Amino acid sequence: MAHKAQISIPATYMRGGTSKGVFFTLSDLPPVAQVPGEARDKLLLRVIGSPDPYEKQIDGMGGATSSTSKTVILSKSDSPDHDVDYLFGQVSIDKPFVDWSGNCGNLSAAVGPYAIANGLVDPAKVPQNGIAEVRIWQVNIQKTIVAQVPITDGEVQEAGDFELDGVTFPAAEIPVAFMDPADGEGAIFPTGNVVDDLDVPGVGVLKVTLINAGIPTVFVNAEALGYTGCELQEAINGDARALAMFETIRAHGAVRMGLIQHVEEAASRQHTPKVAFVAPAASYTASSGKAVNAEDIDLVVRALSMGKLHHAMMGTAAVAIGAAAAIQGTLVNLAAGGDERDAVTFGHPSGSLRVGAKASLVDGRWQIDQAVMSRSARILMSGQVRVPGDTL
């Protein structure tokens, strides 16, 4: 039996923040995959190595976690106000679908460096030495992201001394601003309330903050679920009943937020919303062995992504945390002490993170002008990624 030769596609494997993924320039994809649809999804699934019932992604570029099962497609923007269009695809590990419903905040930090290195940014905007401001149009949520990319001798500077908890080695700092971060699906508070009662079968009525900033997120108090907020991955991911509970909360939160009509639809929308639990600041030992001291943070937060507790914090969820902390009365704000603030430092499983956000009440509705946090990014490998010829 004859078999088709593998397809070879230019690609770059990049780390951005505490995530990594496979980056493509749109025009380098096979023509049939340059437009949304089944062919594109099949290609990205095969690149990453999904669906994999073993949940290891051995036959692909994925790393078998939500943080490493990611793809990015970039193109020069047609908008005069933006340099590059950024489309993010969260690839399911064990199921045959790509979720296009939200952004990846961590990989947003890698978009600017990739765009500059691959000629997607006007060379006139890139100084010989200094900072290149890259204006990014986030296609998934129809919002602007602005990245400040350091440049040395005309090239993206990747090495540096900026340390990010959840990433082993230091690198150059890249401040990333998420402008008006409520995504394209509605208001910051879809219900109009900073706190709601959510009736979850098998759990009971929970106080929740349902917020749509950075990424739609369901916040719940850790104590209401029997947790301290200082848990590490194994405490949650090794507990099948806990994971099922969080998925039930997520599904019912998605319905309440208007993201889906029925809870059954949540299975095909794994990327959004996220679910996270919060508690007042407390001291604990991070997964690296590093001590996180209560006096150095404002609260603790743990968040789930694609059905598992995240090893650090998703960038978009960090935006949601910063936005919620800036608005008095939300569960996040109350856990942080209930004061007015324009920045918050929170503890996560790998350490801590600071994110700034400023909220304002306009015509009776809350809005976030921008949320800012620092990340880093690095090219891990560039060349050709190959997939079997019968993929398309």
Protein backbone atom coordinates (compact mmCIF):
# COMPACT_ATOMS: atom_id res chain seq x y z
CA MET A 1 0.00 0.00 0.00
CA ALA A 2 1.41 3.39 -1.05
CA HIS A 3 1.67 6.15 1.55
CA LYS A 4 1.89 9.88 0.96
CA ALA A 5 5.08 11.67 1.89
CA GLN A 6 5.00 13.96 4.91
CA ILE A 7 4.05 17.61 4.51
CA SER A 8 6.73 20.06 5.63
CA ILE A 9 5.62 23.47 6.98
CA PRO A 10 7.78 26.36 8.26
CA ALA A 11 7.19 26.75 11.99
CA THR A 12 8.71 28.14 15.16
CA TYR A 13 8.46 26.57 18.61
CA MET A 14 8.31 29.36 21.19
CA ARG A 15 7.93 29.90 24.89
CA GLY A 16 5.81 32.84 25.93
CA GLY A 17 5.39 33.43 29.66
CA THR A 18 4.65 30.07 31.29
CA SER A 19 3.32 28.50 28.08
CA LYS A 20 4.82 27.30 24.84
CA GLY A 21 3.39 26.54 21.44
CA VAL A 22 3.92 26.14 17.71
CA PHE A 23 3.86 29.44 15.79
CA PHE A 24 3.04 29.77 12.09
CA THR A 25 2.92 32.61 9.61
CA LEU A 26 -0.47 32.35 7.88
CA SER A 27 0.97 32.41 4.35
CA ASP A 28 3.26 29.47 5.16
CA LEU A 29 0.34 27.14 5.84
CA PRO A 30 -1.01 24.91 3.05
CA PRO A 31 -3.63 26.95 1.13
CA VAL A 32 -6.51 24.82 2.40
CA ALA A 33 -5.44 25.59 5.99
CA GLN A 34 -5.09 29.34 5.46
CA VAL A 35 -8.80 29.74 6.10
CA PRO A 36 -10.80 28.64 9.16
CA GLY A 37 -12.35 25.22 8.94
CA GLU A 38 -11.92 21.48 9.21
CA ALA A 39 -8.66 21.34 7.25
CA ARG A 40 -6.95 23.88 9.49
CA ASP A 41 -8.14 22.10 12.63
CA LYS A 42 -6.98 18.72 11.35
CA LEU A 43 -3.56 20.13 10.55
CA LEU A 44 -3.06 21.72 13.97
CA LEU A 45 -4.32 18.62 15.76
CA ARG A 46 -1.78 16.50 13.89
CA VAL A 47 1.04 18.98 14.50
CA ILE A 48 0.41 18.88 18.24
CA GLY A 49 -0.26 15.12 18.35
CA SER A 50 -3.96 15.07 19.17
CA PRO A 51 -6.33 13.48 19.84
CA ASP A 52 -4.28 11.15 22.02
CA PRO A 53 -6.16 8.71 24.28
CA TYR A 54 -2.89 8.15 26.16
CA GLU A 55 -2.80 11.93 26.88
CA LYS A 56 0.94 12.13 26.19
CA GLN A 57 1.07 13.67 22.66
CA ILE A 58 4.13 11.55 21.92
CA ASP A 59 3.56 11.75 18.15
CA GLY A 60 3.44 15.53 18.00
CA MET A 61 4.81 18.80 19.33
CA GLY A 62 2.47 19.06 22.30
CA GLY A 63 3.66 18.60 25.86
CA ALA A 64 0.52 16.90 27.21
CA THR A 65 -0.58 19.87 29.34
CA SER A 66 -2.90 22.77 28.63
CA SER A 67 0.16 25.08 28.80
CA THR A 68 1.94 23.23 25.99
CA SER A 69 -0.91 22.14 23.68
CA LYS A 70 -1.11 25.46 21.87
CA THR A 71 -0.86 26.89 18.36
CA VAL A 72 -0.56 30.42 17.00
CA ILE A 73 -1.16 31.77 13.50
CA LEU A 74 0.16 35.25 12.69
CA SER A 75 -0.12 37.56 9.71
CA LYS A 76 0.67 41.17 8.89
CA SER A 77 -2.33 43.24 9.86
CA ASP A 78 -4.41 45.12 7.30
CA SER A 79 -5.42 47.57 10.03
CA PRO A 80 -3.45 50.84 10.09
CA ASP A 81 -3.67 50.76 13.89
CA HIS A 82 -2.06 47.32 14.27
CA ASP A 83 1.11 45.60 13.15
CA VAL A 84 0.12 41.95 13.34
CA ASP A 85 -3.03 39.80 13.58
CA TYR A 86 -2.79 37.07 16.22
CA LEU A 87 -5.02 33.99 16.16
CA PHE A 88 -4.73 31.47 18.99
CA GLY A 89 -5.83 27.82 18.92
CA GLN A 90 -6.01 25.77 22.13
CA VAL A 91 -5.65 22.15 21.03
CA SER A 92 -7.47 19.51 23.05
CA ILE A 93 -5.16 16.75 24.23
CA ASP A 94 -7.48 13.76 24.11
CA LYS A 95 -10.34 14.98 21.93
CA PRO A 96 -10.43 15.92 18.22
CA PHE A 97 -11.04 19.64 18.42
CA VAL A 98 -9.30 22.99 18.51
CA ASP A 99 -10.89 25.63 20.75
CA TRP A 100 -10.85 29.11 19.18
CA SER A 101 -12.99 30.76 21.86
CA GLY A 102 -10.32 32.74 23.70
CA ASN A 103 -6.82 34.15 23.85
CA CYS A 104 -3.61 32.90 25.46
CA GLY A 105 -2.17 35.71 27.53
CA ASN A 106 1.18 34.01 28.06
CA LEU A 107 1.82 33.40 24.36
CA SER A 108 0.78 37.01 23.70
CA ALA A 109 4.27 37.92 24.96
CA ALA A 110 5.85 35.87 22.16
CA VAL A 111 3.79 37.42 19.37
CA GLY A 112 5.82 40.65 19.19
CA PRO A 113 9.21 38.93 19.07
CA TYR A 114 8.00 36.46 16.43
CA ALA A 115 6.43 39.21 14.34
CA ILE A 116 9.62 41.27 14.35
CA ALA A 117 11.89 38.29 13.61
CA ASN A 118 9.68 37.18 10.73
CA GLY A 119 9.22 40.51 8.98
CA LEU A 120 5.60 41.09 9.99
CA VAL A 121 6.43 44.47 11.58
CA ASP A 122 7.51 47.48 9.52
CA PRO A 123 11.32 47.67 9.90
CA ALA A 124 11.01 51.43 10.38
CA LYS A 125 9.29 50.73 13.72
CA VAL A 126 12.18 48.63 15.01
CA PRO A 127 15.04 50.69 16.51
CA GLN A 128 18.65 49.61 16.36
CA ASN A 129 18.65 49.65 20.14
CA GLY A 130 15.75 50.30 22.46
CA ILE A 131 12.11 49.22 22.60
CA ALA A 132 9.89 48.28 19.69
CA GLU A 133 6.20 48.77 20.41
CA VAL A 134 4.20 46.08 18.63
CA ARG A 135 0.47 46.63 18.34
CA ILE A 136 -1.30 43.29 18.12
CA TRP A 137 -4.87 42.61 17.00
CA GLN A 138 -6.08 39.59 18.96
CA VAL A 139 -8.42 37.95 16.48
CA ASN A 140 -10.13 35.53 18.89
CA ILE A 141 -11.47 38.26 21.18
CA GLN A 142 -11.23 41.24 18.80
CA LYS A 143 -9.05 43.30 21.14
CA THR A 144 -5.75 45.18 21.06
CA ILE A 145 -2.61 44.04 22.86
CA VAL A 146 0.51 46.21 23.02
CA ALA A 147 3.88 44.55 23.61
CA GLN A 148 7.10 46.39 24.42
CA VAL A 149 9.85 44.27 22.85
CA PRO A 150 13.50 44.99 23.73
CA ILE A 151 15.84 45.35 20.74
CA THR A 152 19.63 45.09 20.75
CA ASP A 153 21.72 45.65 17.60
CA GLY A 154 18.58 45.51 15.48
CA GLU A 155 17.50 42.09 16.76
CA VAL A 156 14.99 40.97 19.36
CA GLN A 157 16.75 40.68 22.72
CA GLU A 158 15.84 37.38 24.33
CA ALA A 159 18.44 37.08 27.08
CA GLY A 160 17.99 39.08 30.26
CA ASP A 161 17.67 38.93 34.02
CA PHE A 162 13.88 39.11 34.35
CA GLU A 163 12.64 36.20 36.44
CA LEU A 164 9.13 34.80 36.09
CA ASP A 165 7.81 32.26 38.57
CA GLY A 166 6.94 29.10 36.66
CA VAL A 167 9.85 29.57 34.22
CA THR A 168 13.21 28.12 35.27
CA PHE A 169 15.59 30.51 33.51
CA PRO A 170 15.65 34.34 33.37
CA ALA A 171 15.12 36.21 30.09
CA ALA A 172 14.41 39.70 28.77
CA GLU A 173 11.35 41.41 30.20
CA ILE A 174 8.42 42.10 27.85
CA PRO A 175 5.67 44.30 29.34
CA VAL A 176 2.32 43.41 27.77
CA ALA A 177 -0.75 45.65 27.94
CA PHE A 178 -4.20 44.22 27.29
CA MET A 179 -6.39 47.11 26.15
CA ASP A 180 -10.07 47.17 27.14
CA PRO A 181 -9.72 43.47 28.01
CA ALA A 182 -13.38 42.43 28.14
CA ASP A 183 -13.46 40.00 25.24
CA GLY A 184 -15.74 40.27 22.25
CA GLU A 185 -18.56 38.33 23.89
CA GLY A 186 -19.97 41.04 26.13
CA ALA A 187 -19.72 43.21 29.23
CA ILE A 188 -17.17 42.72 31.99
CA PHE A 189 -19.93 41.41 34.27
CA PRO A 190 -22.32 39.44 32.04
CA THR A 191 -24.99 39.29 34.77
CA GLY A 192 -24.52 42.91 35.81
CA ASN A 193 -23.45 41.81 39.29
CA VAL A 194 -20.04 41.69 40.96
CA VAL A 195 -21.19 38.64 42.94
CA ASP A 196 -23.85 36.08 42.03
CA ASP A 197 -25.36 32.98 43.60
CA LEU A 198 -24.68 29.98 41.38
CA ASP A 199 -26.62 26.79 42.04
CA VAL A 200 -24.33 23.89 41.16
CA PRO A 201 -25.78 20.34 41.30
CA GLY A 202 -23.92 18.21 43.80
CA VAL A 203 -22.16 21.24 45.25
CA GLY A 204 -24.86 23.65 46.35
CA VAL A 205 -25.30 27.39 46.00
CA LEU A 206 -21.95 29.12 45.63
CA LYS A 207 -21.05 32.78 45.77
CA VAL A 208 -19.24 33.50 42.49
CA THR A 209 -17.83 36.42 40.56
CA LEU A 210 -18.45 35.96 36.84
CA ILE A 211 -16.11 38.25 34.95
CA ASN A 212 -15.24 38.70 31.32
CA ALA A 213 -11.82 40.39 31.29
CA GLY A 214 -8.81 38.83 29.60
CA ILE A 215 -10.80 35.62 29.46
CA PRO A 216 -14.22 34.71 30.84
CA THR A 217 -13.62 33.42 34.37
CA VAL A 218 -15.68 31.98 37.21
CA PHE A 219 -14.20 32.92 40.59
CA VAL A 220 -15.28 31.10 43.75
CA ASN A 221 -14.03 31.24 47.35
CA ALA A 222 -11.63 28.41 48.17
CA GLU A 223 -13.18 27.97 51.61
CA ALA A 224 -16.60 27.25 50.11
CA LEU A 225 -15.07 24.23 48.36
CA GLY A 226 -13.07 22.99 51.33
CA TYR A 227 -9.73 24.35 50.09
CA THR A 228 -7.20 26.82 51.47
CA GLY A 229 -6.14 28.33 48.14
CA CYS A 230 -2.56 27.15 48.72
CA GLU A 231 -2.99 23.79 46.96
CA LEU A 232 -0.47 22.56 44.40
CA GLN A 233 -1.27 20.59 41.27
CA GLU A 234 -1.23 17.09 42.74
CA ALA A 235 -3.85 18.00 45.35
CA ILE A 236 -6.39 18.74 42.63
CA ASN A 237 -5.26 16.88 39.53
CA GLY A 238 -4.96 13.60 41.40
CA ASP A 239 -8.55 13.87 42.66
CA ALA A 240 -11.05 12.78 40.03
CA ARG A 241 -14.00 13.90 42.14
CA ALA A 242 -12.51 17.38 42.54
CA LEU A 243 -11.91 17.72 38.79
CA ALA A 244 -15.48 16.64 38.08
CA MET A 245 -16.74 19.20 40.60
CA PHE A 246 -14.75 22.02 39.02
CA GLU A 247 -15.99 21.05 35.56
CA THR A 248 -19.58 21.14 36.81
CA ILE A 249 -18.99 24.60 38.29
CA ARG A 250 -17.41 25.73 35.03
CA ALA A 251 -20.26 24.40 32.91
CA HIS A 252 -22.97 26.03 35.01
CA GLY A 253 -20.96 29.25 35.16
CA ALA A 254 -20.70 29.23 31.37
CA VAL A 255 -24.47 29.01 31.06
CA ARG A 256 -24.97 31.82 33.57
CA MET A 257 -22.47 33.97 31.65
CA GLY A 258 -24.35 33.36 28.41
CA LEU A 259 -21.39 31.63 26.76
CA ILE A 260 -23.41 28.47 26.12
CA GLN A 261 -27.10 27.60 26.24
CA HIS A 262 -26.89 24.20 27.91
CA VAL A 263 -24.34 22.66 30.29
CA GLU A 264 -23.71 19.81 27.82
CA GLU A 265 -22.12 22.31 25.42
CA ALA A 266 -19.26 22.96 27.86
CA ALA A 267 -17.55 19.74 26.74
CA SER A 268 -16.90 21.29 23.32
CA ARG A 269 -15.75 24.61 24.80
CA GLN A 270 -12.96 23.60 27.14
CA HIS A 271 -10.82 26.74 26.83
CA THR A 272 -13.46 29.14 28.15
CA PRO A 273 -14.56 30.01 30.71
CA LYS A 274 -11.85 29.34 33.24
CA VAL A 275 -12.67 28.52 36.85
CA ALA A 276 -10.52 29.74 39.73
CA PHE A 277 -10.67 29.76 43.52
CA VAL A 278 -9.38 32.51 45.77
CA ALA A 279 -8.46 33.05 49.41
CA PRO A 280 -6.77 35.73 51.54
CA ALA A 281 -2.98 35.87 51.50
CA ALA A 282 -1.26 32.95 53.20
CA SER A 283 2.26 31.55 53.31
CA TYR A 284 3.03 28.32 51.47
CA THR A 285 5.78 26.50 49.61
CA ALA A 286 5.56 26.74 45.82
CA SER A 287 6.08 23.75 43.53
CA SER A 288 9.73 24.74 43.03
CA GLY A 289 10.36 24.68 46.78
CA LYS A 290 10.38 28.47 46.92
CA ALA A 291 8.74 30.03 49.99
CA VAL A 292 5.86 32.37 49.21
CA ASN A 293 5.27 34.67 52.18
CA ALA A 294 1.85 36.06 53.00
CA GLU A 295 3.26 39.55 53.58
CA ASP A 296 4.57 39.66 49.99
CA ILE A 297 1.22 38.94 48.30
CA ASP A 298 -2.33 40.27 48.44
CA LEU A 299 -4.18 36.97 48.01
CA VAL A 300 -3.79 33.43 46.71
CA VAL A 301 -5.42 32.14 43.52
CA ARG A 302 -5.57 28.73 41.89
CA ALA A 303 -7.01 28.32 38.38
CA LEU A 304 -7.95 25.39 36.19
CA SER A 305 -7.28 25.20 32.47
CA MET A 306 -8.57 22.52 30.12
CA GLY A 307 -9.81 20.49 33.09
CA LYS A 308 -6.63 20.54 35.20
CA LEU A 309 -5.12 22.82 37.82
CA HIS A 310 -2.62 25.09 36.06
CA HIS A 311 1.02 24.83 37.14
CA ALA A 312 1.29 28.62 37.47
CA MET A 313 -1.27 31.09 36.10
CA MET A 314 -2.68 31.61 32.63
CA GLY A 315 -1.88 35.11 31.37
CA THR A 316 -5.48 35.82 30.46
CA ALA A 317 -6.65 34.62 33.87
CA ALA A 318 -4.09 36.95 35.44
CA VAL A 319 -5.78 39.79 33.55
CA ALA A 320 -9.12 38.62 34.96
CA ILE A 321 -7.61 38.55 38.47
CA GLY A 322 -6.21 42.06 38.09
CA ALA A 323 -9.48 43.39 36.71
CA ALA A 324 -11.58 41.77 39.44
CA ALA A 325 -9.20 42.96 42.15
CA ALA A 326 -9.61 46.53 40.90
CA ILE A 327 -13.39 46.45 41.37
CA GLN A 328 -14.59 46.58 44.94
CA GLY A 329 -16.98 43.87 46.05
CA THR A 330 -15.81 41.06 43.79
CA LEU A 331 -14.63 37.87 45.47
CA VAL A 332 -11.10 38.59 44.24
CA ASN A 333 -11.16 42.12 45.65
CA LEU A 334 -12.58 40.92 48.97
CA ALA A 335 -9.95 38.20 49.27
CA ALA A 336 -7.31 40.88 48.69
CA GLY A 337 -8.70 42.99 51.53
CA GLY A 338 -11.54 44.87 49.85
CA ASP A 339 -9.63 48.10 49.22
CA GLU A 340 -9.45 50.22 46.08
CA ARG A 341 -6.37 49.24 44.10
CA ASP A 342 -4.78 49.52 40.65
CA ALA A 343 -2.44 46.53 41.01
CA VAL A 344 -2.44 43.20 42.78
CA THR A 345 0.18 40.57 43.61
CA PHE A 346 -1.20 37.07 43.94
CA GLY A 347 0.26 33.72 44.88
CA HIS A 348 -0.09 30.78 42.46
CA PRO A 349 1.30 27.22 42.50
CA SER A 350 4.69 28.26 41.08
CA GLY A 351 5.16 31.49 43.02
CA SER A 352 3.66 34.95 42.63
CA LEU A 353 2.74 37.45 39.94
CA ARG A 354 1.91 41.15 39.90
CA VAL A 355 -0.63 42.55 37.45
CA GLY A 356 -1.88 46.10 37.16
CA ALA A 357 -5.40 47.11 36.15
CA LYS A 358 -7.44 50.29 36.54
CA ALA A 359 -11.23 50.15 36.67
CA SER A 360 -13.77 52.91 36.15
CA LEU A 361 -17.55 53.05 36.35
CA VAL A 362 -18.97 54.58 33.17
CA ASP A 363 -22.71 55.06 32.75
CA GLY A 364 -23.36 52.47 35.42
CA ARG A 365 -21.11 49.82 33.87
CA TRP A 366 -17.62 48.83 34.91
CA GLN A 367 -14.82 48.99 32.38
CA ILE A 368 -11.11 48.22 32.45
CA ASP A 369 -9.03 50.56 30.33
CA GLN A 370 -6.05 48.23 30.29
CA ALA A 371 -4.34 45.51 32.29
CA VAL A 372 -0.54 45.27 32.29
CA MET A 373 1.86 42.55 33.30
CA SER A 374 5.41 41.57 32.46
CA ARG A 375 6.29 38.29 30.77
CA SER A 376 9.23 36.99 28.73
CA ALA A 377 9.58 34.95 25.55
CA ARG A 378 12.17 32.93 23.69
CA ILE A 379 12.48 31.02 20.45
CA LEU A 380 13.14 27.39 21.32
CA MET A 381 13.42 26.04 17.78
CA SER A 382 12.71 27.17 14.25
CA GLY A 383 12.57 25.19 11.04
CA GLN A 384 10.02 22.81 9.54
CA VAL A 385 7.31 20.87 11.31
CA ARG A 386 6.13 17.71 9.51
CA VAL A 387 2.79 15.98 9.41
CA PRO A 388 1.71 12.87 7.51
CA GLY A 389 0.61 13.55 3.95
CA ASP A 390 -2.88 12.17 4.51
CA THR A 391 -3.61 14.76 7.23
CA LEU A 392 -5.27 17.15 4.76
